Amino acid sequence: MTTPAIGYTQEVITEQEFRDMFVVYQKLDFTGDPDRPYEYPTQAERDNYKETQLRQILGDDRYADSLQAKNPAYEKLNLITQRLDLPLSAAREVISVQTDLTQRAAAIDADATLTNDERAARYNALAREAQTRITQALGPRGYTAYRDNSQNWIQSLESGKPTPAPAPAK
């Protein structure tokens, strides 16, 4: 039997995974016994324990998908992949492309030896690369939908301008 998990838009978890996850969350919840000392006294220790256990229960790829699904900065991208019936790993690939290209755009912007025309040509080349790589991940319809909802970083490259900073990963 599989059960939809909270915060998972496309994945399901098995009953055993749910039970294992419940044990993890139960170990961190002490609201029923205020006299019982915390095994993990700081929030950072509790978060580290939870992340380690969930990664072990779900495996690296499904754990990464769960983080992707819960990150509000990527809600539109996640919806695009869901509507196109693509795995969340496609969304993670798009974020990787965006991070790579915005970093390279920042390097272009910082290069004082470039003329405005050279800079614009390099931004345009990055825009073409973005289209190619994102189309590989999402397909042509997905690329168009993503471009229209991408906080204008692709459009900035197309117009020969530096890109805005990408959304923070959580």
Protein backbone atom coordinates (compact mmCIF):
# COMPACT_ATOMS: atom_id res chain seq x y z
CA MET A 1 0.00 0.00 0.00
CA THR A 2 1.25 3.52 -0.76
CA THR A 3 0.20 6.76 0.83
CA PRO A 4 0.67 10.31 -0.49
CA ALA A 5 3.13 12.12 1.74
CA ILE A 6 2.66 15.64 2.95
CA GLY A 7 4.83 18.00 0.92
CA TYR A 8 5.38 15.48 -1.86
CA THR A 9 3.66 16.55 -5.05
CA GLN A 10 4.44 13.56 -7.23
CA GLU A 11 5.91 10.84 -5.07
CA VAL A 12 4.23 8.31 -2.86
CA ILE A 13 5.69 6.55 0.10
CA THR A 14 5.16 3.00 1.22
CA GLU A 15 3.44 2.17 4.46
CA GLN A 16 6.79 1.07 5.90
CA GLU A 17 8.44 4.36 4.89
CA PHE A 18 5.56 6.22 6.53
CA ARG A 19 6.00 4.20 9.72
CA ASP A 20 9.77 4.83 9.70
CA MET A 21 9.23 8.55 9.15
CA PHE A 22 6.65 8.63 11.95
CA VAL A 23 9.23 7.20 14.36
CA VAL A 24 11.66 9.96 13.38
CA TYR A 25 9.10 12.72 13.94
CA GLN A 26 7.84 11.10 17.13
CA LYS A 27 11.38 11.02 18.53
CA LEU A 28 11.61 14.79 17.98
CA ASP A 29 8.20 15.63 19.48
CA PHE A 30 8.21 15.99 23.26
CA THR A 31 5.03 17.99 23.73
CA GLY A 32 3.45 15.07 25.62
CA ASP A 33 6.15 14.84 28.30
CA PRO A 34 7.70 18.19 29.28
CA ASP A 35 9.91 16.54 31.95
CA ARG A 36 11.62 14.30 29.41
CA PRO A 37 14.95 15.79 28.27
CA TYR A 38 15.59 16.34 24.60
CA GLU A 39 17.94 13.83 23.04
CA TYR A 40 18.81 16.59 20.55
CA PRO A 41 18.73 19.82 22.58
CA THR A 42 19.31 22.34 19.78
CA GLN A 43 17.18 22.92 16.70
CA ALA A 44 20.23 22.39 14.50
CA GLU A 45 20.82 18.95 16.07
CA ARG A 46 17.15 18.02 15.61
CA ASP A 47 17.18 19.20 11.99
CA ASN A 48 20.40 17.29 11.29
CA TYR A 49 18.97 14.11 12.83
CA LYS A 50 15.72 14.45 10.87
CA GLU A 51 17.48 15.13 7.56
CA THR A 52 19.88 12.21 8.06
CA GLN A 53 17.08 9.80 8.94
CA LEU A 54 14.76 10.92 6.12
CA ARG A 55 17.59 10.67 3.59
CA GLN A 56 18.28 7.14 4.82
CA ILE A 57 14.59 6.14 4.65
CA LEU A 58 13.88 7.64 1.22
CA GLY A 59 17.28 7.41 -0.46
CA ASP A 60 19.22 10.34 -1.92
CA ASP A 61 17.10 10.95 -5.05
CA ARG A 62 13.70 10.77 -3.38
CA TYR A 63 14.95 12.87 -0.47
CA ALA A 64 16.17 15.52 -2.94
CA ASP A 65 12.75 15.36 -4.62
CA SER A 66 11.07 15.92 -1.25
CA LEU A 67 13.18 19.03 -0.63
CA GLN A 68 12.41 20.27 -4.14
CA ALA A 69 8.68 19.69 -3.67
CA LYS A 70 8.57 21.61 -0.38
CA ASN A 71 10.61 24.63 -1.49
CA PRO A 72 8.22 27.55 -2.11
CA ALA A 73 10.80 29.32 -4.29
CA TYR A 74 10.34 26.60 -6.90
CA GLU A 75 6.56 26.19 -6.72
CA LYS A 76 5.92 27.30 -10.33
CA LEU A 77 8.70 25.11 -11.70
CA ASN A 78 7.40 22.14 -9.71
CA LEU A 79 3.91 22.73 -11.11
CA ILE A 80 5.29 22.80 -14.65
CA THR A 81 7.01 19.45 -14.16
CA GLN A 82 3.88 18.02 -12.56
CA ARG A 83 1.60 19.20 -15.39
CA LEU A 84 4.00 17.72 -17.95
CA ASP A 85 4.17 14.47 -15.96
CA LEU A 86 7.93 14.83 -15.47
CA PRO A 87 9.88 13.77 -12.39
CA LEU A 88 11.03 16.38 -9.90
CA SER A 89 14.58 15.55 -10.96
CA ALA A 90 13.79 17.55 -14.13
CA ALA A 91 13.07 20.59 -11.96
CA ARG A 92 16.33 20.04 -10.08
CA GLU A 93 18.15 19.95 -13.43
CA VAL A 94 16.58 23.28 -14.42
CA ILE A 95 17.70 24.83 -11.14
CA SER A 96 21.20 23.50 -11.76
CA VAL A 97 21.17 25.11 -15.22
CA GLN A 98 19.94 28.41 -13.80
CA THR A 99 22.59 28.42 -11.07
CA ASP A 100 25.35 27.61 -13.55
CA LEU A 101 24.30 30.22 -16.10
CA THR A 102 23.61 33.01 -13.61
CA GLN A 103 27.06 32.46 -12.08
CA ARG A 104 28.62 32.60 -15.53
CA ALA A 105 26.60 35.75 -16.30
CA ALA A 106 27.93 37.34 -13.10
CA ALA A 107 31.48 36.54 -14.24
CA ILE A 108 30.74 38.23 -17.58
CA ASP A 109 29.34 41.25 -15.75
CA ALA A 110 32.46 41.45 -13.58
CA ASP A 111 34.87 41.26 -16.53
CA ALA A 112 35.93 44.87 -17.04
CA THR A 113 37.86 44.01 -20.22
CA LEU A 114 34.68 43.29 -22.20
CA THR A 115 32.98 45.91 -24.35
CA ASN A 116 29.22 46.29 -24.10
CA ASP A 117 28.79 44.48 -27.43
CA GLU A 118 31.00 41.57 -26.32
CA ARG A 119 29.15 41.36 -23.03
CA ALA A 120 25.76 41.35 -24.79
CA ALA A 121 26.94 38.64 -27.22
CA ARG A 122 28.05 36.44 -24.33
CA TYR A 123 24.76 36.95 -22.50
CA ASN A 124 22.92 35.98 -25.70
CA ALA A 125 25.03 32.83 -25.97
CA LEU A 126 24.08 31.96 -22.39
CA ALA A 127 20.41 32.51 -23.27
CA ARG A 128 20.70 30.06 -26.18
CA GLU A 129 22.44 27.57 -23.90
CA ALA A 130 19.64 27.99 -21.35
CA GLN A 131 17.06 27.24 -24.01
CA THR A 132 18.91 24.12 -25.17
CA ARG A 133 19.58 22.71 -21.72
CA ILE A 134 16.17 23.51 -20.23
CA THR A 135 14.41 22.14 -23.31
CA GLN A 136 16.36 18.91 -22.79
CA ALA A 137 15.05 18.72 -19.23
CA LEU A 138 11.46 19.91 -19.74
CA GLY A 139 10.73 19.60 -23.45
CA PRO A 140 9.67 22.50 -25.73
CA ARG A 141 6.34 23.15 -23.96
CA GLY A 142 8.05 23.02 -20.59
CA TYR A 143 10.75 25.44 -21.70
CA THR A 144 8.14 27.96 -22.88
CA ALA A 145 6.16 27.67 -19.66
CA TYR A 146 9.30 27.96 -17.54
CA ARG A 147 10.65 30.92 -19.52
CA ASP A 148 7.37 32.76 -19.02
CA ASN A 149 7.56 32.13 -15.25
CA SER A 150 11.32 32.29 -14.65
CA GLN A 151 11.60 35.66 -12.89
CA ASN A 152 12.99 37.10 -16.15
CA TRP A 153 16.51 35.70 -15.86
CA ILE A 154 16.35 34.17 -19.34
CA GLN A 155 14.80 37.31 -20.82
CA SER A 156 17.59 39.38 -19.24
CA LEU A 157 20.20 37.22 -20.97
CA GLU A 158 18.32 37.46 -24.28
CA SER A 159 18.31 41.24 -24.04
CA GLY A 160 22.06 41.33 -23.34
CA LYS A 161 21.78 42.23 -19.66
CA PRO A 162 23.04 40.57 -16.47
CA THR A 163 20.65 38.20 -14.73
CA PRO A 164 18.89 38.74 -11.41
CA ALA A 165 20.14 36.55 -8.57
CA PRO A 166 18.52 33.10 -8.49
CA ALA A 167 16.05 32.14 -5.76
CA PRO A 168 17.78 30.79 -2.68
CA ALA A 169 17.91 27.02 -2.29
CA LYS A 170 16.58 25.73 0.99
